[in-house]
Amino acid sequence: MTDSDSDSAAEIEITADLVRDLLREQHPDLAGLAVREVAGGWDNQQWRLGDELAVRMPRTERAPELQRKEARWLPLLAPRLPLAVPRPVRVGEPSARFPKCWTIMTWVPGEPLDRTSISRGDHAADALADFLRALHAPAPAEAPGVVDRGAHPGAYTEGFDHFFRSVALDGRGDEVRAVWDDAVAAPAWEGPPVWVHGDLHPANVVVSDGTLSGVIDFGDLFAGDPAWDLAAAWVVLPEGAAARFFDAYAHADGATIRRARGLAALKSLFLMLMGHNGDRGLPGGKPAWGPAGRAALDRVLGTDVG
């Protein structure tokens, strides 16, 4: 998150009253539904609208473009995906009250993983594998490409080094570095660009009845290397589930698993840093992400696959 993003987010206070006013102006048939703030979010601030909808209000400079991407592609992808995902319902236009586009989406029921846990690990592994097999189809030429993520791990060594230096690794630094170096040394993806969610971590997957039931926040969707999503085998799934996941997914070769494991280490360090920032009360910090990142890194280092 950049300083300019933070400055933009602070320009307008997004309140329940503002959301209600915008609904009355642009979608009056929905204005009578209850509006409740939802904790979390990074690029967007989310408000529950009744029982079945959500209003997503952008709070960073890049957020409107991410919302437009979801509105363009989710209606095409959602019908083939076996887990619940948000679907765009209405678009809010820029106005005198709020100068950016905003979106009304379907609500994905359940609890984000950063606020709960998975108790049915085998079921979750199979559910994630089914979801990613369905998502990872060849993407059309006009699909969004790689922007700030999605390239070979070697392109992100500077970011890895920053996270690596910023968190306490309790004597495991050499192990973490070895996993990353192995991912950087792995061959690049040689298949066709496939649809990739791009940001699978505990805050972007939803749990019900102890297992995965939904996936949210497709703003970073792109066409490219599936290893970016396969990192979720360690970042999202509980201890011991990665091997079952890759068996069920069935389409990842050794090089892809190596890249995915290194990217899982990168994502784990990022979660740990955001947790550290949250503990210190810094902007953008997420206290719950620290334990999630440490647990994910433990799984990366203790993996029985790769």
Protein backbone atom coordinates (compact mmCIF):
# COMPACT_ATOMS: atom_id res chain seq x y z
CA MET A 1 0.00 0.00 0.00
CA THR A 2 1.47 3.33 -1.05
CA ASP A 3 1.39 6.67 0.72
CA SER A 4 -0.75 8.08 -2.10
CA ASP A 5 -3.28 5.32 -1.55
CA SER A 6 -3.46 6.17 2.14
CA ASP A 7 -3.88 9.88 1.36
CA SER A 8 -6.69 9.15 -1.09
CA ALA A 9 -8.45 6.92 1.41
CA ALA A 10 -8.44 9.74 3.92
CA GLU A 11 -10.01 12.30 1.60
CA ILE A 12 -13.61 11.18 2.12
CA GLU A 13 -14.97 9.48 5.22
CA ILE A 14 -17.08 6.55 4.08
CA THR A 15 -19.94 6.19 6.52
CA ALA A 16 -23.22 4.30 6.65
CA ASP A 17 -25.01 7.59 6.05
CA LEU A 18 -22.97 8.19 2.89
CA VAL A 19 -23.76 4.68 1.62
CA ARG A 20 -27.48 5.21 2.30
CA ASP A 21 -27.43 8.57 0.53
CA LEU A 22 -25.76 7.07 -2.53
CA LEU A 23 -28.27 4.25 -2.62
CA ARG A 24 -31.18 6.69 -2.39
CA GLU A 25 -29.72 8.73 -5.25
CA GLN A 26 -28.77 5.91 -7.61
CA HIS A 27 -30.48 2.69 -6.51
CA PRO A 28 -33.56 3.76 -4.55
CA ASP A 29 -35.15 0.30 -4.74
CA LEU A 30 -32.30 -0.96 -2.48
CA ALA A 31 -32.17 2.05 -0.14
CA GLY A 32 -34.51 0.48 2.42
CA LEU A 33 -32.19 -2.44 3.15
CA ALA A 34 -30.11 -2.42 6.32
CA VAL A 35 -26.53 -1.12 5.94
CA ARG A 36 -23.84 -2.60 8.21
CA GLU A 37 -20.09 -2.05 8.04
CA VAL A 38 -17.92 -5.12 7.47
CA ALA A 39 -14.50 -5.24 9.12
CA GLY A 40 -11.45 -5.76 6.95
CA GLY A 41 -10.75 -4.85 3.36
CA TRP A 42 -7.76 -3.11 1.83
CA ASP A 43 -8.56 -1.43 -1.46
CA ASN A 44 -12.28 -1.37 -0.70
CA GLN A 45 -14.40 -0.71 2.37
CA GLN A 46 -17.33 -3.10 2.42
CA TRP A 47 -20.83 -2.64 3.78
CA ARG A 48 -23.37 -5.42 4.14
CA LEU A 49 -26.62 -4.49 2.37
CA GLY A 50 -29.52 -6.53 3.66
CA ASP A 51 -28.85 -10.26 3.84
CA GLU A 52 -27.78 -10.99 0.28
CA LEU A 53 -25.83 -7.98 -1.00
CA ALA A 54 -22.72 -5.94 -0.23
CA VAL A 55 -21.64 -2.42 -1.19
CA ARG A 56 -17.95 -2.06 -2.01
CA MET A 57 -16.63 1.48 -1.67
CA PRO A 58 -13.13 2.15 -3.08
CA ARG A 59 -10.61 3.70 -0.71
CA THR A 60 -7.38 3.49 -2.72
CA GLU A 61 -6.44 4.98 -6.08
CA ARG A 62 -6.34 1.60 -7.78
CA ALA A 63 -9.62 0.31 -6.33
CA PRO A 64 -12.02 1.61 -9.03
CA GLU A 65 -10.03 -0.15 -11.75
CA LEU A 66 -10.06 -3.38 -9.73
CA GLN A 67 -13.83 -3.10 -9.37
CA ARG A 68 -14.21 -2.57 -13.12
CA LYS A 69 -12.14 -5.69 -13.70
CA GLU A 70 -14.41 -7.74 -11.44
CA ALA A 71 -17.51 -6.34 -13.14
CA ARG A 72 -16.09 -7.29 -16.55
CA TRP A 73 -14.93 -10.82 -15.84
CA LEU A 74 -16.70 -12.31 -12.82
CA PRO A 75 -20.03 -12.78 -14.62
CA LEU A 76 -18.18 -14.96 -17.15
CA LEU A 77 -16.12 -16.93 -14.63
CA ALA A 78 -18.59 -17.40 -11.77
CA PRO A 79 -20.93 -19.92 -13.43
CA ARG A 80 -18.16 -22.49 -13.79
CA LEU A 81 -16.67 -22.10 -10.31
CA PRO A 82 -17.71 -24.68 -7.68
CA LEU A 83 -17.37 -22.34 -4.65
CA ALA A 84 -19.44 -19.24 -4.01
CA VAL A 85 -17.93 -16.02 -5.37
CA PRO A 86 -19.28 -12.45 -5.39
CA ARG A 87 -21.20 -11.40 -8.48
CA PRO A 88 -21.66 -7.79 -9.56
CA VAL A 89 -25.29 -6.67 -9.28
CA ARG A 90 -25.23 -2.89 -9.75
CA VAL A 91 -22.69 -0.15 -10.48
CA GLY A 92 -22.59 3.14 -8.62
CA GLU A 93 -21.49 6.10 -10.72
CA PRO A 94 -19.23 8.94 -9.58
CA SER A 95 -21.22 11.85 -8.19
CA ALA A 96 -20.88 15.07 -6.23
CA ARG A 97 -21.17 13.06 -3.01
CA PHE A 98 -18.54 10.45 -3.97
CA PRO A 99 -16.22 10.96 -6.94
CA LYS A 100 -15.43 7.31 -7.73
CA CYS A 101 -17.29 4.33 -9.10
CA TRP A 102 -18.56 1.84 -6.53
CA THR A 103 -20.19 -1.57 -6.78
CA ILE A 104 -23.02 -3.61 -5.33
CA MET A 105 -22.13 -7.31 -5.21
CA THR A 106 -23.76 -10.48 -3.98
CA TRP A 107 -22.76 -11.36 -0.41
CA VAL A 108 -20.76 -14.58 0.06
CA PRO A 109 -21.96 -16.14 3.33
CA GLY A 110 -19.52 -17.54 5.84
CA GLU A 111 -16.58 -16.25 7.86
CA PRO A 112 -13.22 -15.14 6.38
CA LEU A 113 -10.43 -17.52 7.32
CA ASP A 114 -8.45 -14.80 9.10
CA ARG A 115 -11.24 -14.79 11.70
CA THR A 116 -11.89 -18.53 11.98
CA SER A 117 -10.21 -21.87 11.14
CA ILE A 118 -10.61 -24.89 8.92
CA SER A 119 -11.44 -28.08 10.85
CA ARG A 120 -12.14 -30.32 7.84
CA GLY A 121 -8.75 -30.22 6.18
CA ASP A 122 -9.24 -33.02 3.66
CA HIS A 123 -12.55 -31.58 2.51
CA ALA A 124 -11.02 -28.10 2.21
CA ALA A 125 -8.07 -29.45 0.20
CA ASP A 126 -10.44 -31.14 -2.24
CA ALA A 127 -12.67 -28.05 -2.42
CA LEU A 128 -9.73 -25.74 -3.16
CA ALA A 129 -8.35 -28.14 -5.77
CA ASP A 130 -11.74 -28.36 -7.50
CA PHE A 131 -12.06 -24.58 -7.46
CA LEU A 132 -8.61 -23.93 -8.90
CA ARG A 133 -8.91 -26.63 -11.55
CA ALA A 134 -12.11 -24.91 -12.71
CA LEU A 135 -10.59 -21.43 -12.55
CA HIS A 136 -7.24 -22.26 -14.17
CA ALA A 137 -8.55 -22.54 -17.71
CA PRO A 138 -6.73 -20.85 -20.60
CA ALA A 139 -7.65 -17.16 -20.60
CA PRO A 140 -8.61 -15.19 -23.72
CA ALA A 141 -6.18 -12.76 -25.31
CA GLU A 142 -8.09 -9.78 -23.91
CA ALA A 143 -7.83 -11.01 -20.30
CA PRO A 144 -5.94 -8.74 -17.87
CA GLY A 145 -2.24 -9.46 -17.74
CA VAL A 146 0.43 -9.34 -15.07
CA VAL A 147 0.66 -6.00 -13.26
CA ASP A 148 2.17 -5.97 -9.76
CA ARG A 149 2.09 -9.74 -9.29
CA GLY A 150 1.98 -12.82 -11.48
CA ALA A 151 5.47 -12.98 -12.99
CA HIS A 152 8.18 -15.52 -12.17
CA PRO A 153 9.33 -15.38 -8.51
CA GLY A 154 12.69 -14.05 -9.64
CA ALA A 155 11.03 -10.74 -10.44
CA TYR A 156 10.10 -10.25 -6.78
CA THR A 157 13.42 -10.79 -5.01
CA GLU A 158 13.54 -7.17 -3.87
CA GLY A 159 10.13 -7.50 -2.24
CA PHE A 160 11.06 -10.82 -0.67
CA ASP A 161 14.24 -9.31 0.76
CA HIS A 162 12.26 -6.44 2.27
CA PHE A 163 9.79 -8.78 3.98
CA PHE A 164 12.60 -11.12 5.00
CA ARG A 165 14.45 -8.32 6.79
CA SER A 166 11.29 -6.91 8.38
CA VAL A 167 10.02 -9.89 10.37
CA ALA A 168 11.43 -12.10 13.11
CA LEU A 169 12.21 -15.58 11.76
CA ASP A 170 13.40 -17.17 15.03
CA GLY A 171 16.47 -18.82 13.57
CA ARG A 172 14.71 -20.14 10.47
CA GLY A 173 16.06 -17.55 8.07
CA ASP A 174 18.31 -19.98 6.21
CA GLU A 175 15.42 -22.37 5.64
CA VAL A 176 13.17 -19.60 4.37
CA ARG A 177 15.89 -18.27 2.09
CA ALA A 178 16.50 -21.76 0.68
CA VAL A 179 12.82 -22.18 -0.22
CA TRP A 180 12.81 -18.81 -1.98
CA ASP A 181 16.08 -19.44 -3.82
CA ASP A 182 14.69 -22.78 -5.04
CA ALA A 183 11.60 -21.03 -6.41
CA VAL A 184 13.74 -18.44 -8.16
CA ALA A 185 15.81 -21.23 -9.72
CA ALA A 186 12.73 -23.14 -10.90
CA PRO A 187 11.83 -23.02 -14.62
CA ALA A 188 9.19 -20.49 -15.63
CA TRP A 189 5.61 -21.38 -16.52
CA GLU A 190 5.57 -22.58 -20.13
CA GLY A 191 1.88 -23.31 -20.52
CA PRO A 192 -0.76 -20.93 -21.86
CA PRO A 193 -1.74 -18.05 -19.56
CA VAL A 194 -4.57 -19.28 -17.34
CA TRP A 195 -7.04 -17.40 -15.17
CA VAL A 196 -5.45 -16.72 -11.77
CA HIS A 197 -7.18 -15.20 -8.73
CA GLY A 198 -3.82 -13.78 -7.68
CA ASP A 199 -4.52 -12.95 -4.03
CA LEU A 200 -5.54 -16.10 -2.18
CA HIS A 201 -4.84 -15.63 1.52
CA PRO A 202 -6.88 -16.06 4.73
CA ALA A 203 -8.84 -12.81 4.38
CA ASN A 204 -9.98 -13.68 0.85
CA VAL A 205 -11.38 -17.16 1.41
CA VAL A 206 -14.61 -17.88 3.28
CA VAL A 207 -15.27 -20.79 5.64
CA SER A 208 -18.54 -22.47 6.60
CA ASP A 209 -19.01 -25.71 8.55
CA GLY A 210 -15.25 -26.06 8.99
CA THR A 211 -14.34 -26.03 5.30
CA LEU A 212 -13.91 -23.68 2.37
CA SER A 213 -17.21 -22.39 1.03
CA GLY A 214 -16.31 -19.27 -0.94
CA VAL A 215 -13.61 -17.07 -2.46
CA ILE A 216 -13.82 -13.28 -2.54
CA ASP A 217 -11.90 -10.23 -3.83
CA PHE A 218 -11.03 -10.93 -7.46
CA GLY A 219 -9.58 -7.46 -8.00
CA ASP A 220 -6.11 -8.85 -8.76
CA LEU A 221 -7.41 -11.37 -11.31
CA PHE A 222 -4.98 -11.92 -14.19
CA ALA A 223 -3.92 -14.38 -16.87
CA GLY A 224 -0.61 -16.05 -16.14
CA ASP A 225 1.19 -18.59 -13.94
CA PRO A 226 -1.11 -20.75 -11.76
CA ALA A 227 1.66 -21.07 -9.14
CA TRP A 228 0.42 -17.78 -7.66
CA ASP A 229 -2.82 -19.51 -6.66
CA LEU A 230 -1.27 -22.88 -5.84
CA ALA A 231 0.66 -21.16 -3.03
CA ALA A 232 -2.68 -21.35 -1.19
CA ALA A 233 -1.90 -25.01 -0.47
CA TRP A 234 0.25 -23.67 2.37
CA VAL A 235 -1.12 -20.16 2.95
CA VAL A 236 -4.79 -21.20 3.24
CA LEU A 237 -5.01 -24.93 3.98
CA PRO A 238 -4.23 -26.38 7.42
CA GLU A 239 -1.23 -28.51 8.37
CA GLY A 240 -0.91 -31.72 6.37
CA ALA A 241 -3.37 -30.77 3.61
CA ALA A 242 -0.94 -29.65 0.89
CA ALA A 243 -0.09 -33.13 -0.39
CA ARG A 244 -3.76 -34.06 -0.70
CA PHE A 245 -4.44 -30.75 -2.46
CA PHE A 246 -1.77 -31.30 -5.11
CA ASP A 247 -2.92 -34.89 -5.66
CA ALA A 248 -6.47 -33.63 -6.21
CA TYR A 249 -5.39 -30.70 -8.38
CA ALA A 250 -3.34 -33.13 -10.48
CA HIS A 251 -1.97 -30.60 -12.99
CA ALA A 252 1.06 -29.12 -11.20
CA ASP A 253 4.52 -30.31 -12.29
CA GLY A 254 7.57 -30.17 -10.05
CA ALA A 255 8.70 -26.73 -11.26
CA THR A 256 5.25 -25.24 -10.65
CA ILE A 257 5.15 -26.64 -7.13
CA ARG A 258 8.61 -25.19 -6.45
CA ARG A 259 7.47 -21.75 -7.61
CA ALA A 260 4.26 -22.08 -5.61
CA ARG A 261 6.13 -23.01 -2.43
CA GLY A 262 8.44 -20.02 -2.77
CA LEU A 263 5.49 -17.73 -3.39
CA ALA A 264 3.84 -19.20 -0.31
CA ALA A 265 6.92 -18.20 1.68
CA LEU A 266 6.71 -14.69 0.20
CA LYS A 267 3.01 -14.40 1.08
CA SER A 268 3.64 -15.76 4.59
CA LEU A 269 6.27 -13.10 5.25
CA PHE A 270 3.91 -10.42 3.94
CA LEU A 271 1.15 -11.62 6.28
CA MET A 272 3.60 -11.60 9.17
CA LEU A 273 4.68 -8.05 8.36
CA MET A 274 1.08 -6.83 8.14
CA GLY A 275 0.42 -8.49 11.49
CA HIS A 276 3.45 -6.78 12.99
CA ASN A 277 2.26 -3.44 11.64
CA GLY A 278 -1.18 -4.10 13.08
CA ASP A 279 0.26 -4.85 16.50
CA ARG A 280 2.04 -1.48 16.33
CA GLY A 281 -1.09 0.35 15.21
CA LEU A 282 0.39 1.36 11.84
CA PRO A 283 -1.83 2.20 8.83
CA GLY A 284 -2.80 -0.87 6.84
CA GLY A 285 -1.76 -3.22 9.64
CA LYS A 286 -3.82 -6.35 10.28
CA PRO A 287 -3.20 -7.89 13.73
CA ALA A 288 -4.91 -11.19 12.84
CA TRP A 289 -2.62 -11.70 9.86
CA GLY A 290 0.50 -12.19 11.96
CA PRO A 291 -0.51 -15.57 13.46
CA ALA A 292 -1.89 -16.65 10.08
CA GLY A 293 1.42 -15.81 8.40
CA ARG A 294 3.52 -17.59 11.02
CA ALA A 295 1.35 -20.71 10.75
CA ALA A 296 1.60 -20.61 6.96
CA LEU A 297 5.39 -20.31 7.10
CA ASP A 298 5.53 -23.29 9.45
CA ARG A 299 3.61 -25.28 6.86
CA VAL A 300 5.90 -24.11 4.05
CA LEU A 301 9.00 -25.20 5.95
CA GLY A 302 7.48 -28.48 7.09
CA THR A 303 5.97 -29.42 3.74
CA ASP A 304 5.94 -32.96 2.41
CA VAL A 305 5.54 -31.86 -1.19
CA GLY A 306 7.75 -29.94 -3.57
